[in-house]
Protein backbone atom coordinates (compact mmCIF):
# COMPACT_ATOMS: atom_id res chain seq x y z
CA MET A 1 219.31 8.25 69.28
CA GLY A 2 216.31 6.91 71.28
CA ARG A 3 218.46 6.39 74.36
CA THR A 4 219.81 9.93 74.14
CA LEU A 5 216.29 11.37 73.98
CA THR A 6 215.16 9.20 76.89
CA PHE A 7 218.19 10.26 78.94
CA ARG A 8 217.54 13.94 78.15
CA PHE A 9 213.88 13.60 79.04
CA VAL A 10 214.69 11.90 82.36
CA PHE A 11 217.42 14.45 83.11
CA ILE A 12 215.19 17.43 82.31
CA THR A 13 212.32 15.93 84.33
CA MET A 14 214.58 15.32 87.33
CA LEU A 15 216.03 18.81 87.03
CA ALA A 16 212.53 20.31 86.88
CA VAL A 17 211.44 18.35 89.96
CA PHE A 18 214.60 19.42 91.79
CA LEU A 19 214.03 23.08 90.90
CA ILE A 20 210.39 22.91 91.97
CA LEU A 21 211.41 21.39 95.31
CA CYS A 22 214.07 24.06 95.79
CA ALA A 23 211.54 26.80 94.99
CA ALA A 24 209.04 25.31 97.45
CA LEU A 25 211.66 25.13 100.20
CA MET A 26 212.80 28.68 99.48
CA TYR A 27 209.20 29.90 99.54
CA GLY A 28 208.70 28.41 103.00
CA TYR A 29 212.00 29.87 104.18
CA VAL A 30 211.13 33.33 102.85
CA GLN A 31 207.63 33.16 104.34
CA ARG A 32 209.02 32.17 107.74
CA ARG A 33 211.43 35.11 107.58
CA MET A 34 208.51 37.42 106.80
CA TYR A 35 206.34 35.85 109.53
CA PRO A 36 208.76 34.86 112.29
CA LEU A 37 207.81 32.95 115.39
CA LYS A 38 209.62 34.08 118.51
CA TYR A 39 208.73 33.60 122.18
CA GLU A 40 206.75 30.46 121.37
CA ALA A 41 206.91 29.16 124.96
CA LEU A 42 205.52 32.43 126.34
CA ILE A 43 202.83 32.59 123.67
CA LEU A 44 201.78 29.02 124.46
CA GLU A 45 201.82 29.63 128.21
CA TYR A 46 199.64 32.74 128.14
CA ALA A 47 197.42 31.64 125.26
CA ASN A 48 196.69 28.53 127.33
CA GLU A 49 196.17 30.48 130.55
CA TYR A 50 193.67 32.82 128.90
CA GLY A 51 192.03 30.35 126.52
CA LEU A 52 193.28 32.01 123.35
CA ASP A 53 194.34 30.51 120.05
CA PRO A 54 198.16 30.79 119.98
CA TYR A 55 198.06 31.49 116.22
CA LEU A 56 195.89 34.51 116.96
CA VAL A 57 198.33 35.73 119.60
CA CYS A 58 201.16 35.38 117.04
CA ALA A 59 199.10 37.32 114.50
CA VAL A 60 198.40 40.16 116.94
CA ILE A 61 202.09 40.36 117.85
CA TRP A 62 203.11 40.34 114.19
CA VAL A 63 200.66 43.10 113.26
CA GLU A 64 201.44 45.19 116.33
CA SER A 65 205.23 44.95 116.44
CA LYS A 66 206.59 42.39 113.95
CA PHE A 67 207.98 40.62 117.06
CA ASN A 68 210.06 43.67 118.06
CA GLU A 69 209.98 43.63 121.87
CA VAL A 70 211.13 47.27 122.14
CA ALA A 71 208.61 48.68 119.65
CA THR A 72 206.93 51.92 120.71
CA SER A 73 204.04 53.48 118.81
CA HIS A 74 203.42 57.18 118.25
CA LYS A 75 200.64 56.84 120.86
CA GLY A 76 203.05 55.39 123.44
CA ALA A 77 201.99 51.73 123.18
CA ARG A 78 204.89 49.46 124.08
CA GLY A 79 206.34 46.08 123.39
CA LEU A 80 205.32 43.03 121.41
CA MET A 81 201.55 43.42 121.78
CA GLN A 82 201.68 47.23 121.89
CA VAL A 83 200.10 47.68 125.30
CA ILE A 84 199.35 51.27 126.34
CA PRO A 85 200.98 52.09 129.70
CA SER A 86 197.66 52.93 131.41
CA THR A 87 196.28 49.53 130.36
CA GLY A 88 199.52 47.93 131.50
CA ARG A 89 199.27 49.52 134.98
CA TRP A 90 195.62 48.48 135.33
CA ALA A 91 196.37 44.91 134.19
CA ALA A 92 199.46 44.65 136.40
CA GLN A 93 197.36 45.63 139.42
CA LYS A 94 194.63 43.11 138.54
CA LEU A 95 197.21 40.37 137.89
CA GLY A 96 199.30 41.17 140.98
CA ILE A 97 202.51 41.79 139.02
CA GLU A 98 204.94 43.12 141.60
CA GLY A 99 207.55 45.70 140.71
CA TYR A 100 205.69 46.71 137.56
CA THR A 101 206.75 49.90 135.79
CA ASP A 102 205.75 51.14 132.35
CA ASP A 103 209.11 49.88 131.06
CA SER A 104 208.03 46.37 132.13
CA LEU A 105 206.00 46.36 128.92
CA TYR A 106 209.27 45.85 127.03
CA ASP A 107 209.74 42.52 128.83
CA PRO A 108 208.25 39.86 126.51
CA ALA A 109 206.88 37.79 129.40
CA VAL A 110 205.07 40.75 130.96
CA ASN A 111 203.86 42.12 127.64
CA ILE A 112 202.50 38.83 126.30
CA ARG A 113 200.86 38.06 129.64
CA ILE A 114 199.13 41.44 129.82
CA GLY A 115 198.25 41.44 126.12
CA CYS A 116 196.66 37.99 126.34
CA TRP A 117 194.85 38.86 129.57
CA TYR A 118 193.45 42.02 127.98
CA LEU A 119 192.44 40.30 124.73
CA ASN A 120 190.67 37.63 126.79
CA ARG A 121 188.80 40.29 128.79
CA LEU A 122 187.69 41.93 125.58
CA ARG A 123 186.56 38.59 124.16
CA HIS A 124 184.44 37.93 127.26
CA HIS A 125 183.09 41.49 127.19
CA PHE A 126 181.92 40.93 123.61
CA LYS A 127 180.42 37.48 124.38
CA GLY A 128 183.13 35.45 122.67
CA ASN A 129 183.17 37.46 119.45
CA MET A 130 186.87 37.63 118.60
CA GLY A 131 186.31 40.05 115.70
CA LEU A 132 184.78 42.57 118.09
CA ALA A 133 187.51 41.88 120.65
CA LEU A 134 190.18 42.63 118.04
CA ALA A 135 188.42 45.83 116.99
CA ALA A 136 188.27 46.87 120.65
CA TYR A 137 191.93 45.92 121.20
CA ASN A 138 192.86 48.50 118.59
CA GLY A 139 190.02 51.02 118.62
CA GLY A 140 188.76 50.83 122.19
CA SER A 141 185.79 48.96 123.63
CA GLY A 142 183.76 52.16 124.05
CA ASN A 143 184.03 52.86 120.34
CA VAL A 144 183.05 49.30 119.42
CA GLU A 145 180.01 49.54 121.71
CA ARG A 146 178.95 52.81 120.04
CA TRP A 147 179.46 51.34 116.57
CA LEU A 148 177.29 48.34 117.45
CA GLN A 149 174.45 50.72 118.35
CA ASP A 150 174.80 52.73 115.13
CA PRO A 151 172.94 51.30 112.10
CA ARG A 152 175.58 52.79 109.80
CA TYR A 153 178.08 50.30 111.24
CA SER A 154 175.97 47.40 112.53
CA LYS A 155 172.71 46.06 111.14
CA ASP A 156 171.94 43.82 114.10
CA GLY A 157 173.81 45.35 117.04
CA GLU A 158 175.87 42.18 117.39
CA GLU A 159 178.32 42.30 114.47
CA LEU A 160 180.14 45.15 112.84
CA ASP A 161 179.36 45.48 109.15
CA ASN A 162 181.69 48.44 108.82
CA ILE A 163 184.41 49.79 111.09
CA PRO A 164 184.59 53.57 110.71
CA PHE A 165 188.20 53.92 111.92
CA ARG A 166 190.45 52.96 109.02
CA GLU A 167 193.31 52.06 111.39
CA THR A 168 191.06 49.66 113.31
CA ARG A 169 189.53 48.19 110.15
CA ASP A 170 193.02 47.61 108.71
CA PHE A 171 194.23 46.16 112.02
CA VAL A 172 191.45 43.57 112.17
CA ASP A 173 191.94 42.60 108.51
CA ARG A 174 195.70 42.30 108.92
CA VAL A 175 195.37 40.19 112.07
CA TRP A 176 193.08 37.70 110.33
CA LYS A 177 195.39 37.49 107.31
CA ALA A 178 198.42 36.96 109.56
CA TYR A 179 196.45 34.39 111.58
CA HIS A 180 195.89 32.27 108.48
CA LYS A 181 199.52 32.70 107.44
CA TYR A 182 200.77 31.52 110.87
CA LYS A 183 198.44 28.50 110.70
CA GLN A 184 199.86 27.70 107.26
CA LEU A 185 203.53 28.08 108.22
CA TYR A 186 203.77 26.63 111.73
CA ARG A 187 202.55 23.73 113.82
CA ILE A 188 201.96 25.24 117.23
CA PRO A 189 200.46 22.89 119.81
CA ASP A 190 197.18 24.29 121.00
CA VAL A 191 196.11 22.92 124.35
CA ASN A 192 192.79 24.79 124.10
CA ARG A 193 191.38 22.58 121.34
């Protein structure tokens, strides 16, 4: 009788461990399906070129388009990083991208390059403050500058305590949550560290 109980205990323990391992593997699989990583080489290339954290670039892409390279917003923003055509034309001119058309924003290489370039410009404009850069990426740098001068939104003129545009506030929150999720799920080499 003692051997039977010992065998059952060992069997149940091994089964429990097996089921826990299966659940853990399935959790990771499901999470990776929810937070995919596509275009890793392009993300690394342009994150490196513009000194950005590749996890942050992944997070912006996920929030903007869920990695759908042909995504188009109701405001006309296009591609993975949801670049507005006027911003795309301006960036293409500054970057010397030949043969650029607004449809070029559906090309992942062009879109990620322009999106990273623009995010980097915003970061420099806001003295390295990535939270402000993200708010400007979604809500416009002019709006962020006005909010920083308004005591209802900024106590010190350097940080936003409140973002009045719900879409922009949600965007920034979602990017930071996705950023942490990408850091948890993937090991992306970061040459900027």
